Amino acid sequence: MSNVIKFERPPEINPPKPKRTLSITARRILIWAGIVAAFLLAWGYFTFFGAGAAPA
């Protein structure tokens, strides 16, 4: 008999699901869509709220 207490995790009820990954093509499409969206948002901001939008 030992005086050492063993700390063990109880077994998991449901094993964790593997993470779903995107294909390389889908990842590239999402990256390009994000870049285009960023340019469109910047264009819209400077068009409607920029310094040149309000006449002085």
PDB file of N, CA and C in Angstrom:
ATOM      1  N   MET A   1       0.844  -1.170   0.000  1.00  0.00           N
ATOM      2  CA  MET A   1       0.000   0.000   0.000  1.00  0.00           C
ATOM      3  C   MET A   1       0.894   1.240   0.000  1.00  0.00           C
ATOM      4  N   SER A   2       0.445   2.252  -0.772  1.00  0.00           N
ATOM      5  CA  SER A   2       1.254   3.451  -0.937  1.00  0.00           C
ATOM      6  C   SER A   2       0.484   4.675  -0.438  1.00  0.00           C
ATOM      7  N   ASN A   3       1.212   5.670  -0.031  1.00  0.00           N
ATOM      8  CA  ASN A   3       0.602   6.912   0.415  1.00  0.00           C
ATOM      9  C   ASN A   3       0.431   7.914  -0.728  1.00  0.00           C
ATOM     10  N   VAL A   4       0.750   7.535  -1.927  1.00  0.00           N
ATOM     11  CA  VAL A   4       0.669   8.427  -3.086  1.00  0.00           C
ATOM     12  C   VAL A   4      -0.743   8.361  -3.665  1.00  0.00           C
ATOM     13  N   ILE A   5      -1.321   9.537  -3.875  1.00  0.00           N
ATOM     14  CA  ILE A   5      -2.654   9.601  -4.473  1.00  0.00           C
ATOM     15  C   ILE A   5      -2.498   9.753  -5.981  1.00  0.00           C
ATOM     16  N   LYS A   6      -3.165   8.907  -6.737  1.00  0.00           N
ATOM     17  CA  LYS A   6      -3.095   8.987  -8.186  1.00  0.00           C
ATOM     18  C   LYS A   6      -4.284   9.805  -8.687  1.00  0.00           C
ATOM     19  N   PHE A   7      -3.988  10.861  -9.424  1.00  0.00           N
ATOM     20  CA  PHE A   7      -5.025  11.678 -10.028  1.00  0.00           C
ATOM     21  C   PHE A   7      -5.177  11.247 -11.477  1.00  0.00           C
ATOM     22  N   GLU A   8      -6.299  10.681 -11.814  1.00  0.00           N
ATOM     23  CA  GLU A   8      -6.550  10.227 -13.177  1.00  0.00           C
ATOM     24  C   GLU A   8      -7.844  10.842 -13.677  1.00  0.00           C
ATOM     25  N   ARG A   9      -7.842  11.165 -14.961  1.00  0.00           N
ATOM     26  CA  ARG A   9      -9.052  11.704 -15.571  1.00  0.00           C
ATOM     27  C   ARG A   9     -10.048  10.582 -15.803  1.00  0.00           C
ATOM     28  N   PRO A  10     -11.312  10.891 -15.605  1.00  0.00           N
ATOM     29  CA  PRO A  10     -12.308   9.878 -15.949  1.00  0.00           C
ATOM     30  C   PRO A  10     -12.377   9.722 -17.472  1.00  0.00           C
ATOM     31  N   PRO A  11     -12.745   8.571 -17.964  1.00  0.00           N
ATOM     32  CA  PRO A  11     -12.816   8.405 -19.415  1.00  0.00           C
ATOM     33  C   PRO A  11     -13.884   9.308 -20.016  1.00  0.00           C
ATOM     34  N   GLU A  12     -13.605   9.813 -21.220  1.00  0.00           N
ATOM     35  CA  GLU A  12     -14.550  10.713 -21.887  1.00  0.00           C
ATOM     36  C   GLU A  12     -15.745   9.923 -22.380  1.00  0.00           C
ATOM     37  N   ILE A  13     -16.926  10.535 -22.222  1.00  0.00           N
ATOM     38  CA  ILE A  13     -18.147   9.863 -22.655  1.00  0.00           C
ATOM     39  C   ILE A  13     -18.204   9.808 -24.181  1.00  0.00           C
ATOM     40  N   ASN A  14     -18.029  10.973 -24.829  1.00  0.00           N
ATOM     41  CA  ASN A  14     -18.010  11.038 -26.289  1.00  0.00           C
ATOM     42  C   ASN A  14     -16.630  11.474 -26.741  1.00  0.00           C
ATOM     43  N   PRO A  15     -16.003  10.734 -27.622  1.00  0.00           N
ATOM     44  CA  PRO A  15     -14.691  11.172 -28.112  1.00  0.00           C
ATOM     45  C   PRO A  15     -14.845  12.454 -28.923  1.00  0.00           C
ATOM     46  N   PRO A  16     -13.853  13.339 -28.888  1.00  0.00           N
ATOM     47  CA  PRO A  16     -13.968  14.597 -29.633  1.00  0.00           C
ATOM     48  C   PRO A  16     -14.005  14.333 -31.134  1.00  0.00           C
ATOM     49  N   LYS A  17     -14.822  15.153 -31.834  1.00  0.00           N
ATOM     50  CA  LYS A  17     -14.932  15.012 -33.278  1.00  0.00           C
ATOM     51  C   LYS A  17     -13.721  15.670 -33.930  1.00  0.00           C
ATOM     52  N   PRO A  18     -13.227  15.098 -35.003  1.00  0.00           N
ATOM     53  CA  PRO A  18     -12.099  15.735 -35.690  1.00  0.00           C
ATOM     54  C   PRO A  18     -12.533  17.059 -36.315  1.00  0.00           C
ATOM     55  N   LYS A  19     -11.620  18.032 -36.316  1.00  0.00           N
ATOM     56  CA  LYS A  19     -11.930  19.340 -36.871  1.00  0.00           C
ATOM     57  C   LYS A  19     -12.067  19.238 -38.382  1.00  0.00           C
ATOM     58  N   ARG A  20     -13.056  19.970 -38.898  1.00  0.00           N
ATOM     59  CA  ARG A  20     -13.291  19.960 -40.335  1.00  0.00           C
ATOM     60  C   ARG A  20     -12.403  21.017 -40.979  1.00  0.00           C
ATOM     61  N   THR A  21     -11.675  20.635 -41.997  1.00  0.00           N
ATOM     62  CA  THR A  21     -10.784  21.567 -42.663  1.00  0.00           C
ATOM     63  C   THR A  21     -11.315  21.890 -44.053  1.00  0.00           C
ATOM     64  N   LEU A  22     -10.988  23.086 -44.521  1.00  0.00           N
ATOM     65  CA  LEU A  22     -11.380  23.492 -45.854  1.00  0.00           C
ATOM     66  C   LEU A  22     -10.333  23.046 -46.857  1.00  0.00           C
ATOM     67  N   SER A  23     -10.785  22.806 -48.064  1.00  0.00           N
ATOM     68  CA  SER A  23      -9.824  22.466 -49.110  1.00  0.00           C
ATOM     69  C   SER A  23      -9.027  23.720 -49.469  1.00  0.00           C
ATOM     70  N   ILE A  24      -7.927  23.516 -50.155  1.00  0.00           N
ATOM     71  CA  ILE A  24      -7.059  24.638 -50.515  1.00  0.00           C
ATOM     72  C   ILE A  24      -7.793  25.597 -51.443  1.00  0.00           C
ATOM     73  N   THR A  25      -8.584  25.059 -52.370  1.00  0.00           N
ATOM     74  CA  THR A  25      -9.320  25.907 -53.306  1.00  0.00           C
ATOM     75  C   THR A  25     -10.342  26.772 -52.572  1.00  0.00           C
ATOM     76  N   ALA A  26     -11.087  26.179 -51.642  1.00  0.00           N
ATOM     77  CA  ALA A  26     -12.074  26.946 -50.887  1.00  0.00           C
ATOM     78  C   ALA A  26     -11.394  28.005 -50.030  1.00  0.00           C
ATOM     79  N   ARG A  27     -10.261  27.680 -49.458  1.00  0.00           N
ATOM     80  CA  ARG A  27      -9.530  28.643 -48.637  1.00  0.00           C
ATOM     81  C   ARG A  27      -9.064  29.831 -49.475  1.00  0.00           C
ATOM     82  N   ARG A  28      -8.554  29.554 -50.691  1.00  0.00           N
ATOM     83  CA  ARG A  28      -8.103  30.640 -51.574  1.00  0.00           C
ATOM     84  C   ARG A  28      -9.275  31.519 -51.997  1.00  0.00           C
ATOM     85  N   ILE A  29     -10.419  30.899 -52.287  1.00  0.00           N
ATOM     86  CA  ILE A  29     -11.598  31.675 -52.676  1.00  0.00           C
ATOM     87  C   ILE A  29     -12.025  32.586 -51.531  1.00  0.00           C
ATOM     88  N   LEU A  30     -12.031  32.076 -50.304  1.00  0.00           N
ATOM     89  CA  LEU A  30     -12.405  32.893 -49.151  1.00  0.00           C
ATOM     90  C   LEU A  30     -11.423  34.038 -48.914  1.00  0.00           C
ATOM     91  N   ILE A  31     -10.143  33.782 -49.115  1.00  0.00           N
ATOM     92  CA  ILE A  31      -9.139  34.836 -48.934  1.00  0.00           C
ATOM     93  C   ILE A  31      -9.352  35.942 -49.952  1.00  0.00           C
ATOM     94  N   TRP A  32      -9.540  35.564 -51.233  1.00  0.00           N
ATOM     95  CA  TRP A  32      -9.744  36.573 -52.274  1.00  0.00           C
ATOM     96  C   TRP A  32     -11.055  37.321 -52.067  1.00  0.00           C
ATOM     97  N   ALA A  33     -12.096  36.627 -51.616  1.00  0.00           N
ATOM     98  CA  ALA A  33     -13.370  37.289 -51.341  1.00  0.00           C
ATOM     99  C   ALA A  33     -13.203  38.299 -50.202  1.00  0.00           C
ATOM    100  N   GLY A  34     -12.410  37.961 -49.194  1.00  0.00           N
ATOM    101  CA  GLY A  34     -12.150  38.889 -48.099  1.00  0.00           C
ATOM    102  C   GLY A  34     -11.370  40.114 -48.548  1.00  0.00           C
ATOM    103  N   ILE A  35     -10.402  39.914 -49.429  1.00  0.00           N
ATOM    104  CA  ILE A  35      -9.611  41.045 -49.936  1.00  0.00           C
ATOM    105  C   ILE A  35     -10.502  41.980 -50.754  1.00  0.00           C
ATOM    106  N   VAL A  36     -11.324  41.406 -51.637  1.00  0.00           N
ATOM    107  CA  VAL A  36     -12.230  42.224 -52.448  1.00  0.00           C
ATOM    108  C   VAL A  36     -13.224  42.958 -51.558  1.00  0.00           C
ATOM    109  N   ALA A  37     -13.764  42.282 -50.539  1.00  0.00           N
ATOM    110  CA  ALA A  37     -14.705  42.927 -49.621  1.00  0.00           C
ATOM    111  C   ALA A  37     -14.039  44.083 -48.875  1.00  0.00           C
ATOM    112  N   ALA A  38     -12.777  43.913 -48.478  1.00  0.00           N
ATOM    113  CA  ALA A  38     -12.066  44.985 -47.777  1.00  0.00           C
ATOM    114  C   ALA A  38     -11.899  46.204 -48.681  1.00  0.00           C
ATOM    115  N   PHE A  39     -11.553  45.987 -49.954  1.00  0.00           N
ATOM    116  CA  PHE A  39     -11.421  47.105 -50.881  1.00  0.00           C
ATOM    117  C   PHE A  39     -12.760  47.792 -51.119  1.00  0.00           C
ATOM    118  N   LEU A  40     -13.835  47.002 -51.242  1.00  0.00           N
ATOM    119  CA  LEU A  40     -15.158  47.593 -51.442  1.00  0.00           C
ATOM    120  C   LEU A  40     -15.599  48.398 -50.227  1.00  0.00           C
ATOM    121  N   LEU A  41     -15.330  47.886 -49.035  1.00  0.00           N
ATOM    122  CA  LEU A  41     -15.677  48.630 -47.826  1.00  0.00           C
ATOM    123  C   LEU A  41     -14.868  49.921 -47.710  1.00  0.00           C
ATOM    124  N   ALA A  42     -13.588  49.869 -48.052  1.00  0.00           N
ATOM    125  CA  ALA A  42     -12.765  51.077 -47.997  1.00  0.00           C
ATOM    126  C   ALA A  42     -13.248  52.093 -49.030  1.00  0.00           C
ATOM    127  N   TRP A  43     -13.564  51.637 -50.237  1.00  0.00           N
ATOM    128  CA  TRP A  43     -14.077  52.532 -51.268  1.00  0.00           C
ATOM    129  C   TRP A  43     -15.394  53.171 -50.815  1.00  0.00           C
ATOM    130  N   GLY A  44     -16.292  52.369 -50.272  1.00  0.00           N
ATOM    131  CA  GLY A  44     -17.571  52.892 -49.806  1.00  0.00           C
ATOM    132  C   GLY A  44     -17.411  53.894 -48.681  1.00  0.00           C
ATOM    133  N   TYR A  45     -16.498  53.609 -47.763  1.00  0.00           N
ATOM    134  CA  TYR A  45     -16.274  54.530 -46.643  1.00  0.00           C
ATOM    135  C   TYR A  45     -15.777  55.876 -47.150  1.00  0.00           C
ATOM    136  N   PHE A  46     -14.754  55.854 -48.014  1.00  0.00           N
ATOM    137  CA  PHE A  46     -14.196  57.117 -48.472  1.00  0.00           C
ATOM    138  C   PHE A  46     -15.132  57.821 -49.440  1.00  0.00           C
ATOM    139  N   THR A  47     -16.017  57.086 -50.105  1.00  0.00           N
ATOM    140  CA  THR A  47     -16.976  57.721 -51.003  1.00  0.00           C
ATOM    141  C   THR A  47     -18.079  58.422 -50.224  1.00  0.00           C
ATOM    142  N   PHE A  48     -18.615  57.776 -49.205  1.00  0.00           N
ATOM    143  CA  PHE A  48     -19.764  58.324 -48.498  1.00  0.00           C
ATOM    144  C   PHE A  48     -19.408  59.106 -47.241  1.00  0.00           C
ATOM    145  N   PHE A  49     -18.325  58.750 -46.571  1.00  0.00           N
ATOM    146  CA  PHE A  49     -17.978  59.404 -45.305  1.00  0.00           C
ATOM    147  C   PHE A  49     -16.628  60.103 -45.342  1.00  0.00           C
ATOM    148  N   GLY A  50     -15.964  60.099 -46.465  1.00  0.00           N
ATOM    149  CA  GLY A  50     -14.617  60.662 -46.548  1.00  0.00           C
ATOM    150  C   GLY A  50     -14.638  62.177 -46.494  1.00  0.00           C
ATOM    151  N   ALA A  51     -13.456  62.771 -46.526  1.00  0.00           N
ATOM    152  CA  ALA A  51     -13.317  64.229 -46.409  1.00  0.00           C
ATOM    153  C   ALA A  51     -13.921  64.941 -47.618  1.00  0.00           C
ATOM    154  N   GLY A  52     -13.878  64.315 -48.799  1.00  0.00           N
ATOM    155  CA  GLY A  52     -14.392  64.962 -49.987  1.00  0.00           C
ATOM    156  C   GLY A  52     -15.895  64.840 -50.151  1.00  0.00           C
ATOM    157  N   ALA A  53     -16.570  64.098 -49.288  1.00  0.00           N
ATOM    158  CA  ALA A  53     -17.993  63.852 -49.442  1.00  0.00           C
ATOM    159  C   ALA A  53     -18.835  65.057 -49.029  1.00  0.00           C
ATOM    160  N   ALA A  54     -18.410  65.782 -47.995  1.00  0.00           N
ATOM    161  CA  ALA A  54     -19.194  66.907 -47.510  1.00  0.00           C
ATOM    162  C   ALA A  54     -18.643  68.214 -48.101  1.00  0.00           C
ATOM    163  N   PRO A  55     -19.496  68.950 -48.799  1.00  0.00           N
ATOM    164  CA  PRO A  55     -18.993  70.231 -49.333  1.00  0.00           C
ATOM    165  C   PRO A  55     -18.756  71.253 -48.206  1.00  0.00           C
ATOM    166  N   ALA A  56     -17.743  72.054 -48.354  1.00  0.00           N
ATOM    167  CA  ALA A  56     -17.381  72.994 -47.293  1.00  0.00           C
ATOM    168  C   ALA A  56     -18.121  74.295 -47.404  1.00  0.00           C
TER     169      ALA A  56
END
